[in-house]
Amino acid sequence: MAKKNVAVAMGGYSSEYEISLKSGGVVCASLDTDMYNVYAVHILKDGWFYVSERGEKHPVDKGNFSFNDGTTTVQPDVVFNTVHGTPGEDGFLASYLELIGIPQTSAGFYAAALSFNKRDCLTVLKNFGIKCATSYYLNKGMDIHSNEIIEKVGLPCFVKPNRAGSSFGVSKVNEQKDLLPAINEAFKEDHEVLIETTLVGTEVSVGAYLDQGEIKVLSPTEIVSENDFFDYEAKYLGKSQEITPARISEEEKEKVQKETKRIYELLGMKGVTRSDFIIQNGTPYLIETNTTPGLSKESIIPKQAKEAAMTLREFFGILVEGAFL
């Protein structure tokens, strides 16, 4: 059987591009080279390039996503999407690839765009009975009424950019005087801001993926941050414990896995997703769901795959083959 050409897309145009390059590197190193020809494709603001193992850059033809590998023109059969933020997580890359007829490993363009917009996604899911924190929305240029915000969400509260990841621009606000600076910090990442009631409980993260058309849910990971919340330092600089499986009751585990599966179904996902929750008084409250979760060595999904007795080679192979279904 002929090997499939797999282009591993990584990078992106947001603050998360370096994390995405790490995720893409792990995927490139883990895919089964007996089955796949693997190509690292960097999608960056200064251009799209196939980058060889020697670091040579070859431009990607955006007409059909082909590139020269130094000797011949390569036409990818499938794209493994590891781009965090725009354009990989917000639906743009999925839309482009759909238009040119190349399958890819992540959610379709609408599911990706909806889940990337936290407030729109939470609004949709609340209507289906998914529990979420009380929230207040702001757009850049709107009048900011601190008293009104605090009255609705209370203190402490979280201020987040609506469309950003890796906790960039996120602040926990304990006193009203800190609210406006936190909002301004969030506006550096996005012109839409989400302010939420602080949920108190156990934070868990749950992966889900399609395996031959069947939704499989991974074992929850418990997140214990040394910092005030699971911020960038906690996620990527070792300032947290990520415990898999989570130290929660069997009942709580079943509830959070059931909600993860429901969210996957409701949003029409494919590929691998990661949904984050706070379990407050035995009830899971959704924080957000991610369609291109981190796949670097520090990331949660690889740890959950290991807990499920899968190698990354096996797991990433399932995702590649699932893109063709």
Protein backbone atom coordinates (compact mmCIF):
# COMPACT_ATOMS: atom_id res chain seq x y z
CA MET A 1 0.00 0.00 0.00
CA ALA A 2 1.35 3.42 -0.97
CA LYS A 3 2.29 5.69 1.90
CA LYS A 4 0.01 8.69 2.52
CA ASN A 5 1.55 12.17 2.44
CA VAL A 6 0.75 13.84 5.78
CA ALA A 7 1.38 17.58 6.11
CA VAL A 8 1.56 18.51 9.79
CA ALA A 9 0.36 22.12 9.96
CA MET A 10 1.77 24.11 12.87
CA GLY A 11 2.41 27.69 13.98
CA GLY A 12 -0.36 30.20 13.37
CA TYR A 13 -0.74 33.95 13.65
CA SER A 14 -1.46 34.29 17.39
CA SER A 15 0.55 34.45 20.62
CA GLU A 16 0.32 30.64 20.75
CA TYR A 17 2.43 29.95 17.65
CA GLU A 18 5.50 28.72 19.60
CA ILE A 19 3.37 26.24 21.57
CA SER A 20 1.86 25.03 18.29
CA LEU A 21 5.34 24.46 16.82
CA LYS A 22 6.07 22.18 19.80
CA SER A 23 2.80 20.28 19.26
CA GLY A 24 3.56 19.88 15.57
CA GLY A 25 7.07 18.68 16.34
CA VAL A 26 5.74 15.93 18.61
CA VAL A 27 3.27 14.81 15.92
CA CYS A 28 6.01 14.72 13.25
CA ALA A 29 8.26 12.66 15.54
CA SER A 30 5.47 10.25 16.51
CA LEU A 31 3.68 9.41 13.26
CA ASP A 32 4.42 5.96 11.81
CA THR A 33 6.88 6.54 8.96
CA ASP A 34 6.19 3.02 7.63
CA MET A 35 2.67 4.24 6.81
CA TYR A 36 3.13 7.97 6.22
CA ASN A 37 5.47 10.42 4.55
CA VAL A 38 5.52 13.21 7.14
CA TYR A 39 6.09 16.88 6.27
CA ALA A 40 6.31 19.78 8.74
CA VAL A 41 4.42 22.77 7.36
CA HIS A 42 4.83 26.09 9.17
CA ILE A 43 1.87 28.44 8.78
CA LEU A 44 3.17 31.80 9.96
CA LYS A 45 2.47 35.48 9.39
CA ASP A 46 5.54 35.77 7.14
CA GLY A 47 4.47 32.84 4.94
CA TRP A 48 3.57 29.17 4.62
CA PHE A 49 6.55 26.83 4.23
CA TYR A 50 7.43 23.17 4.25
CA VAL A 51 10.45 23.04 6.58
CA SER A 52 12.77 20.09 6.05
CA GLU A 53 14.61 18.29 8.87
CA ARG A 54 17.70 20.31 7.86
CA GLY A 55 15.71 23.54 8.31
CA GLU A 56 15.39 24.31 4.59
CA LYS A 57 12.25 26.29 3.76
CA HIS A 58 10.11 25.57 0.69
CA PRO A 59 7.07 27.80 0.04
CA VAL A 60 3.60 26.23 0.00
CA ASP A 61 1.44 26.84 -3.07
CA LYS A 62 -1.80 28.10 -1.50
CA GLY A 63 -3.69 27.10 -4.65
CA ASN A 64 -3.52 23.40 -3.73
CA PHE A 65 -1.30 23.25 -0.57
CA SER A 66 1.51 21.55 -2.51
CA PHE A 67 5.24 22.24 -2.02
CA ASN A 68 8.62 21.08 -3.27
CA ASP A 69 10.59 18.88 -0.89
CA GLY A 70 13.90 19.68 -2.61
CA THR A 71 13.56 17.05 -5.32
CA THR A 72 9.89 16.75 -6.28
CA THR A 73 6.49 18.40 -5.80
CA VAL A 74 4.54 16.93 -2.87
CA GLN A 75 0.73 16.96 -2.80
CA PRO A 76 -0.51 16.18 0.73
CA ASP A 77 -3.26 13.55 1.05
CA VAL A 78 -4.23 14.84 4.48
CA VAL A 79 -3.37 17.70 6.85
CA PHE A 80 -2.76 17.05 10.55
CA ASN A 81 -3.88 20.35 12.08
CA THR A 82 -1.90 21.37 15.19
CA VAL A 83 -2.29 25.15 14.72
CA HIS A 84 -3.49 26.78 17.97
CA GLY A 85 -5.36 30.06 17.64
CA THR A 86 -5.92 31.58 14.21
CA PRO A 87 -6.06 30.29 11.47
CA GLY A 88 -6.06 26.65 12.65
CA GLU A 89 -8.42 26.66 15.63
CA ASP A 90 -10.96 29.23 14.44
CA GLY A 91 -12.11 27.43 11.28
CA PHE A 92 -10.20 29.35 8.59
CA LEU A 93 -7.76 26.52 7.81
CA ALA A 94 -10.56 23.92 7.85
CA SER A 95 -12.62 26.06 5.47
CA TYR A 96 -9.70 26.54 3.07
CA LEU A 97 -8.81 22.83 3.08
CA GLU A 98 -12.45 21.88 2.51
CA LEU A 99 -12.59 24.20 -0.51
CA ILE A 100 -9.51 22.62 -2.09
CA GLY A 101 -10.59 19.08 -1.17
CA ILE A 102 -7.94 18.01 1.35
CA PRO A 103 -9.14 16.18 4.49
CA GLN A 104 -7.82 17.36 7.84
CA THR A 105 -7.75 15.93 11.35
CA SER A 106 -9.67 18.59 13.31
CA ALA A 107 -13.24 19.88 13.52
CA GLY A 108 -14.96 21.27 10.45
CA PHE A 109 -14.95 25.02 9.85
CA TYR A 110 -18.26 25.81 11.60
CA ALA A 111 -17.64 23.70 14.72
CA ALA A 112 -14.12 25.16 14.97
CA ALA A 113 -15.30 28.76 14.55
CA LEU A 114 -18.12 28.34 17.06
CA SER A 115 -16.01 26.70 19.77
CA PHE A 116 -13.22 29.25 19.30
CA ASN A 117 -15.70 32.03 20.11
CA LYS A 118 -16.14 31.21 23.79
CA ARG A 119 -19.22 33.35 24.42
CA ASP A 120 -21.11 32.14 21.33
CA CYS A 121 -20.25 28.53 22.12
CA LEU A 122 -21.30 28.82 25.77
CA THR A 123 -24.54 30.53 24.71
CA VAL A 124 -25.39 27.65 22.35
CA LEU A 125 -24.48 24.95 24.86
CA LYS A 126 -26.41 26.59 27.73
CA ASN A 127 -29.55 26.18 25.62
CA PHE A 128 -28.92 22.42 25.63
CA GLY A 129 -28.59 22.33 29.42
CA ILE A 130 -24.78 22.35 29.65
CA LYS A 131 -23.91 24.17 32.88
CA CYS A 132 -21.53 27.17 32.61
CA ALA A 133 -20.47 30.07 34.84
CA THR A 134 -22.54 33.29 34.96
CA SER A 135 -20.99 35.66 32.44
CA TYR A 136 -20.90 39.27 31.23
CA TYR A 137 -19.81 40.29 27.72
CA LEU A 138 -17.97 43.40 26.53
CA ASN A 139 -16.91 44.64 23.09
CA LYS A 140 -14.11 47.18 22.63
CA GLY A 141 -15.51 50.71 22.66
CA MET A 142 -18.50 49.89 24.88
CA ASP A 143 -19.01 51.81 28.11
CA ILE A 144 -17.68 49.82 31.06
CA HIS A 145 -19.89 49.85 34.14
CA SER A 146 -17.83 48.22 36.88
CA ASN A 147 -20.66 48.16 39.43
CA GLU A 148 -23.00 46.47 36.93
CA ILE A 149 -20.39 43.85 36.07
CA ILE A 150 -19.62 43.03 39.71
CA GLU A 151 -23.33 42.91 40.53
CA LYS A 152 -23.83 40.25 37.85
CA VAL A 153 -20.73 38.05 38.22
CA GLY A 154 -19.52 38.86 41.74
CA LEU A 155 -15.95 38.79 43.06
CA PRO A 156 -13.57 37.18 42.51
CA CYS A 157 -14.18 36.90 38.75
CA PHE A 158 -12.22 35.98 35.65
CA VAL A 159 -11.62 38.36 32.76
CA LYS A 160 -10.77 36.62 29.46
CA PRO A 161 -10.25 37.51 25.82
CA ASN A 162 -13.13 35.87 23.99
CA ARG A 163 -10.98 34.33 21.25
CA ALA A 164 -7.53 33.43 22.54
CA GLY A 165 -5.89 30.42 24.11
CA SER A 166 -3.11 29.28 26.44
CA SER A 167 -4.46 31.75 29.05
CA PHE A 168 -3.00 34.76 27.21
CA GLY A 169 -4.70 37.93 28.49
CA VAL A 170 -6.61 36.10 31.27
CA SER A 171 -6.76 37.67 34.76
CA LYS A 172 -8.37 36.73 38.04
CA VAL A 173 -9.85 39.83 39.66
CA ASN A 174 -10.26 39.84 43.44
CA GLU A 175 -11.00 43.55 43.98
CA GLN A 176 -13.08 46.02 41.96
CA LYS A 177 -10.10 48.37 41.46
CA ASP A 178 -8.35 45.64 39.45
CA LEU A 179 -11.26 45.09 37.06
CA LEU A 180 -10.51 47.83 34.52
CA PRO A 181 -6.76 46.98 34.18
CA ALA A 182 -7.75 43.32 33.66
CA ILE A 183 -10.25 44.28 30.94
CA ASN A 184 -7.60 46.39 29.19
CA GLU A 185 -5.16 43.45 29.35
CA ALA A 186 -7.75 41.15 27.76
CA PHE A 187 -8.44 43.71 25.01
CA LYS A 188 -4.78 43.40 23.95
CA GLU A 189 -5.61 39.85 22.73
CA ASP A 190 -9.13 40.37 21.36
CA HIS A 191 -11.73 43.11 20.86
CA GLU A 192 -14.32 40.95 22.64
CA VAL A 193 -14.05 40.15 26.34
CA LEU A 194 -15.78 37.63 28.58
CA ILE A 195 -16.11 38.17 32.35
CA GLU A 196 -17.16 35.15 34.40
CA THR A 197 -18.07 34.22 37.95
CA THR A 198 -15.28 32.26 39.61
CA LEU A 199 -16.29 28.64 40.05
CA VAL A 200 -14.90 26.88 43.11
CA GLY A 201 -14.09 23.20 42.84
CA THR A 202 -11.86 20.69 41.10
CA GLU A 203 -10.60 21.65 37.65
CA VAL A 204 -10.48 18.81 35.15
CA SER A 205 -9.75 18.48 31.46
CA VAL A 206 -11.22 15.71 29.31
CA GLY A 207 -10.18 14.59 25.84
CA ALA A 208 -12.52 13.06 23.27
CA TYR A 209 -11.89 11.77 19.76
CA LEU A 210 -13.45 9.78 16.94
CA ASP A 211 -12.21 6.24 16.41
CA GLN A 212 -13.73 4.74 13.23
CA GLY A 213 -16.80 6.93 13.68
CA GLU A 214 -17.29 6.16 17.40
CA ILE A 215 -16.81 8.91 20.01
CA LYS A 216 -14.29 7.79 22.63
CA VAL A 217 -13.78 9.80 25.83
CA LEU A 218 -10.45 9.75 27.65
CA SER A 219 -9.84 9.66 31.39
CA PRO A 220 -10.10 13.13 33.02
CA THR A 221 -6.95 14.96 34.11
CA GLU A 222 -7.06 16.96 37.34
CA ILE A 223 -5.31 20.32 37.23
CA VAL A 224 -3.76 21.70 40.42
CA SER A 225 -2.11 25.07 39.76
CA GLU A 226 0.57 26.55 42.02
CA ASN A 227 -0.60 29.95 40.79
CA ASP A 228 -3.97 31.59 41.39
CA PHE A 229 -5.39 29.78 38.35
CA PHE A 230 -4.27 27.59 35.41
CA ASP A 231 -2.41 30.40 33.62
CA TYR A 232 0.40 30.31 31.02
CA GLU A 233 3.08 29.57 33.65
CA ALA A 234 1.02 26.77 35.10
CA LYS A 235 0.31 25.29 31.68
CA TYR A 236 3.75 25.47 30.12
CA LEU A 237 6.39 26.36 32.72
CA GLY A 238 5.78 23.61 35.24
CA LYS A 239 3.78 25.66 37.75
CA SER A 240 1.06 23.04 38.06
CA GLN A 241 0.35 19.39 38.73
CA GLU A 242 -1.63 17.55 36.08
CA ILE A 243 -2.87 14.32 37.62
CA THR A 244 -4.19 11.58 35.32
CA PRO A 245 -6.54 10.00 36.22
CA ALA A 246 -8.16 12.82 38.20
CA ARG A 247 -8.73 12.29 41.92
CA ILE A 248 -12.51 12.49 41.65
CA SER A 249 -15.30 10.07 42.53
CA GLU A 250 -16.49 7.49 40.01
CA GLU A 251 -19.82 9.38 39.84
CA GLU A 252 -18.06 12.67 39.05
CA LYS A 253 -15.90 10.95 36.45
CA GLU A 254 -18.97 9.50 34.72
CA LYS A 255 -20.75 12.87 34.79
CA VAL A 256 -17.84 14.82 33.30
CA GLN A 257 -17.17 12.19 30.63
CA LYS A 258 -20.87 12.17 29.71
CA GLU A 259 -20.88 15.98 29.39
CA THR A 260 -17.72 15.85 27.25
CA LYS A 261 -19.36 13.36 24.89
CA ARG A 262 -22.58 15.42 24.75
CA ILE A 263 -20.61 18.58 23.87
CA TYR A 264 -18.71 16.69 21.16
CA GLU A 265 -22.03 15.48 19.70
CA LEU A 266 -23.90 18.79 20.07
CA LEU A 267 -21.16 20.75 18.29
CA GLY A 268 -20.64 18.12 15.58
CA MET A 269 -16.95 17.72 16.34
CA LYS A 270 -14.39 15.44 14.75
CA GLY A 271 -10.75 14.72 15.50
CA VAL A 272 -9.55 15.24 19.05
CA THR A 273 -11.04 17.85 21.38
CA ARG A 274 -10.35 18.81 24.99
CA SER A 275 -13.11 20.15 27.22
CA ASP A 276 -12.26 21.91 30.46
CA PHE A 277 -14.54 21.90 33.49
CA ILE A 278 -14.76 22.93 37.12
CA ILE A 279 -16.57 20.32 39.20
CA GLN A 280 -18.43 22.41 41.78
CA ASN A 281 -20.48 20.56 44.42
CA GLY A 282 -20.43 17.41 42.28
CA THR A 283 -21.64 19.14 39.10
CA PRO A 284 -19.38 19.79 36.07
CA TYR A 285 -19.43 23.38 34.75
CA LEU A 286 -17.92 23.86 31.31
CA ILE A 287 -15.14 26.44 30.97
CA GLU A 288 -14.39 25.91 27.27
CA THR A 289 -13.82 23.29 24.59
CA ASN A 290 -10.78 23.22 22.30
CA THR A 291 -10.63 21.75 18.78
CA THR A 292 -6.82 21.78 18.41
CA PRO A 293 -5.64 20.98 21.93
CA GLY A 294 -1.95 21.00 22.75
CA LEU A 295 -0.04 17.87 21.73
CA SER A 296 3.39 18.80 23.06
CA LYS A 297 5.09 16.65 25.69
CA GLU A 298 3.79 18.97 28.44
CA SER A 299 0.21 18.77 27.13
CA ILE A 300 -2.75 16.95 28.64
CA ILE A 301 -4.01 14.90 25.67
CA PRO A 302 -0.75 12.89 25.23
CA LYS A 303 -0.88 12.03 28.95
CA GLN A 304 -4.50 10.87 28.63
CA ALA A 305 -3.64 8.75 25.57
CA LYS A 306 -0.88 7.10 27.61
CA GLU A 307 -3.36 6.44 30.45
CA ALA A 308 -5.60 4.74 27.85
CA ALA A 309 -2.63 2.44 26.99
CA MET A 310 -2.12 4.04 23.58
CA THR A 311 1.19 5.14 22.16
CA LEU A 312 1.22 8.52 20.42
CA ARG A 313 1.99 6.64 17.20
CA GLU A 314 -1.27 4.69 17.59
CA PHE A 315 -3.30 7.70 18.71
CA PHE A 316 -2.12 10.05 15.97
CA GLY A 317 -2.63 7.27 13.42
CA ILE A 318 -6.29 6.99 14.51
CA LEU A 319 -6.68 10.76 13.98
CA VAL A 320 -5.07 10.65 10.51
CA GLU A 321 -7.23 7.74 9.37
CA GLY A 322 -10.33 9.39 10.90
CA ALA A 323 -9.84 12.42 8.65
CA PHE A 324 -10.76 10.28 5.62
CA LEU A 325 -14.11 9.10 7.06
